[in-house]
Protein backbone atom coordinates (compact mmCIF):
# COMPACT_ATOMS: atom_id res chain seq x y z
CA MET A 1 1.62 12.77 17.77
CA ARG A 2 -1.83 13.28 16.47
CA ARG A 3 -2.68 12.04 13.00
CA GLU A 4 -4.45 14.04 10.28
CA ASP A 5 -7.99 13.06 9.68
CA PRO A 6 -8.08 10.99 6.51
CA GLN A 7 -11.34 12.89 5.43
CA ILE A 8 -9.29 16.10 4.99
CA VAL A 9 -6.97 14.34 2.47
CA LEU A 10 -9.96 12.72 0.64
CA ARG A 11 -11.57 16.16 0.34
CA GLU A 12 -8.31 17.56 -0.99
CA VAL A 13 -8.13 14.70 -3.66
CA GLU A 14 -11.70 15.54 -4.69
CA ARG A 15 -10.77 19.27 -5.03
CA GLU A 16 -7.66 18.43 -6.95
CA GLY A 17 -9.47 15.83 -9.09
CA ARG A 18 -6.68 13.16 -8.79
CA TRP A 19 -4.28 11.59 -6.38
CA ASP A 20 -0.50 12.49 -6.30
CA THR A 21 2.34 10.92 -4.37
CA ALA A 22 2.24 13.46 -1.59
CA LEU A 23 -1.46 13.17 -1.13
CA MET A 24 -1.23 9.34 -0.95
CA ARG A 25 1.67 9.59 1.57
CA ARG A 26 -0.50 11.86 3.77
CA PHE A 27 -3.42 9.41 3.42
CA LEU A 28 -1.25 6.42 4.27
CA ALA A 29 0.08 8.35 7.40
CA SER A 30 -3.50 9.17 8.45
CA SER A 31 -5.30 5.84 8.09
CA ASP A 32 -4.50 2.34 9.28
CA LYS A 33 -7.10 0.99 6.88
CA ALA A 34 -5.40 2.63 4.02
CA VAL A 35 -2.12 0.88 4.95
CA LYS A 36 -3.80 -2.52 5.09
CA ARG A 37 -5.55 -1.92 1.74
CA GLY A 38 -2.47 -0.53 0.18
CA MET A 39 -0.31 -3.52 1.22
CA LEU A 40 -2.78 -5.79 -0.42
CA ARG A 41 -2.98 -3.65 -3.53
CA ILE A 42 0.78 -3.56 -4.07
CA TRP A 43 0.94 -7.29 -3.37
CA SER A 44 -1.71 -7.89 -5.99
CA PHE A 45 0.94 -6.62 -8.58
CA GLN A 46 3.25 -9.38 -7.65
CA THR A 47 3.17 -12.48 -9.93
CA GLN A 48 1.75 -15.71 -8.49
CA ASP A 49 5.27 -16.99 -8.27
CA GLU A 50 6.56 -13.96 -6.54
CA ARG A 51 3.64 -14.14 -4.02
CA PHE A 52 4.44 -17.75 -3.26
CA SER A 53 8.24 -17.20 -2.90
CA HIS A 54 8.14 -13.79 -1.24
CA ALA A 55 10.65 -12.56 -3.84
CA THR A 56 10.63 -10.42 -6.87
CA ARG A 57 11.67 -12.18 -10.12
CA GLN A 58 10.41 -9.90 -12.74
CA SER A 59 11.58 -6.23 -13.22
CA ASN A 60 8.27 -4.82 -14.31
CA GLY A 61 8.00 -1.58 -12.39
CA VAL A 62 5.02 -2.63 -10.21
CA GLY A 63 4.64 -4.45 -6.99
CA PHE A 64 7.25 -4.71 -4.32
CA ASN A 65 10.98 -4.50 -5.12
CA LYS A 66 13.39 -7.41 -4.37
CA PHE A 67 14.46 -5.83 -1.13
CA ASP A 68 10.99 -5.18 0.21
CA ALA A 69 9.14 -8.36 -1.19
CA PRO A 70 10.44 -10.79 1.63
CA ARG A 71 9.24 -8.41 4.43
CA ALA A 72 6.03 -7.54 2.73
CA GLY A 73 5.39 -11.27 1.95
CA ALA A 74 6.05 -12.35 5.55
CA LEU A 75 3.70 -9.75 6.88
CA LEU A 76 0.91 -10.40 4.46
CA GLU A 77 1.21 -14.20 4.93
CA LYS A 78 0.86 -13.65 8.66
CA VAL A 79 -2.41 -11.72 8.32
CA MET A 80 -3.90 -13.53 5.24
CA ARG A 81 -2.91 -17.12 5.49
CA GLN A 82 -2.68 -17.44 9.21
CA LYS A 83 -5.70 -15.25 9.84
CA GLU A 84 -3.87 -13.23 12.44
CA GLN A 85 -5.05 -9.72 13.22
CA TRP A 86 -2.88 -6.70 12.22
CA THR A 87 -1.04 -5.50 15.26
CA ASP A 88 0.12 -1.98 15.71
CA ALA A 89 3.60 -3.09 14.86
CA ASP A 90 2.29 -4.72 11.69
CA VAL A 91 0.57 -1.49 10.64
CA ARG A 92 3.72 0.58 11.41
CA GLN A 93 5.84 -1.89 9.34
CA GLY A 94 3.36 -1.75 6.46
CA ARG A 95 3.28 2.08 6.62
CA ARG A 96 7.06 2.41 6.40
CA LEU A 97 7.10 0.05 3.44
CA LEU A 98 4.23 1.83 1.55
CA MET A 99 5.71 5.24 1.74
CA LYS A 100 8.00 4.08 -0.93
CA TYR A 101 5.23 2.80 -3.10
CA ALA A 102 2.84 5.76 -2.69
CA GLY A 103 3.48 6.69 -6.32
CA GLN A 104 2.18 3.33 -7.55
CA LEU A 105 -0.83 3.51 -5.28
CA ALA A 106 -1.68 7.06 -6.50
CA GLN A 107 -1.40 6.00 -10.06
CA GLN A 108 -3.68 3.05 -9.40
CA ALA A 109 -6.18 5.17 -7.59
CA ASN A 110 -6.25 7.55 -10.53
CA ILE A 111 -7.00 4.63 -12.95
CA SER A 112 -9.75 3.46 -10.68
CA ARG A 113 -11.24 6.91 -10.41
CA GLU A 114 -11.14 7.37 -14.21
CA SER A 115 -12.72 4.05 -14.99
CA GLY A 116 -15.21 4.00 -12.19
């Protein structure tokens, strides 16, 4: 199956003036780089303790939930701490996880657009 060109999604965001969940999902589906950056962005919302333990301890509405935190943590530890390259399977796993967090990513992208 052929993926959409991520530039098409970015042009649509420019035309609309902001990200929404649907656009972010399309962007994640179209770009492996967006998946990698998105995983790191959502991970950045975890507290230091949550990052270390691969668990969610605070219900603050941001970051990975308690069900996804162990998988996300294991994946990110593999590529960050052990310096392993992302495999195709890693990107697929990250993409599946991030579809649930596209709203958070869209919200943060809009905040960045407005402040930058």
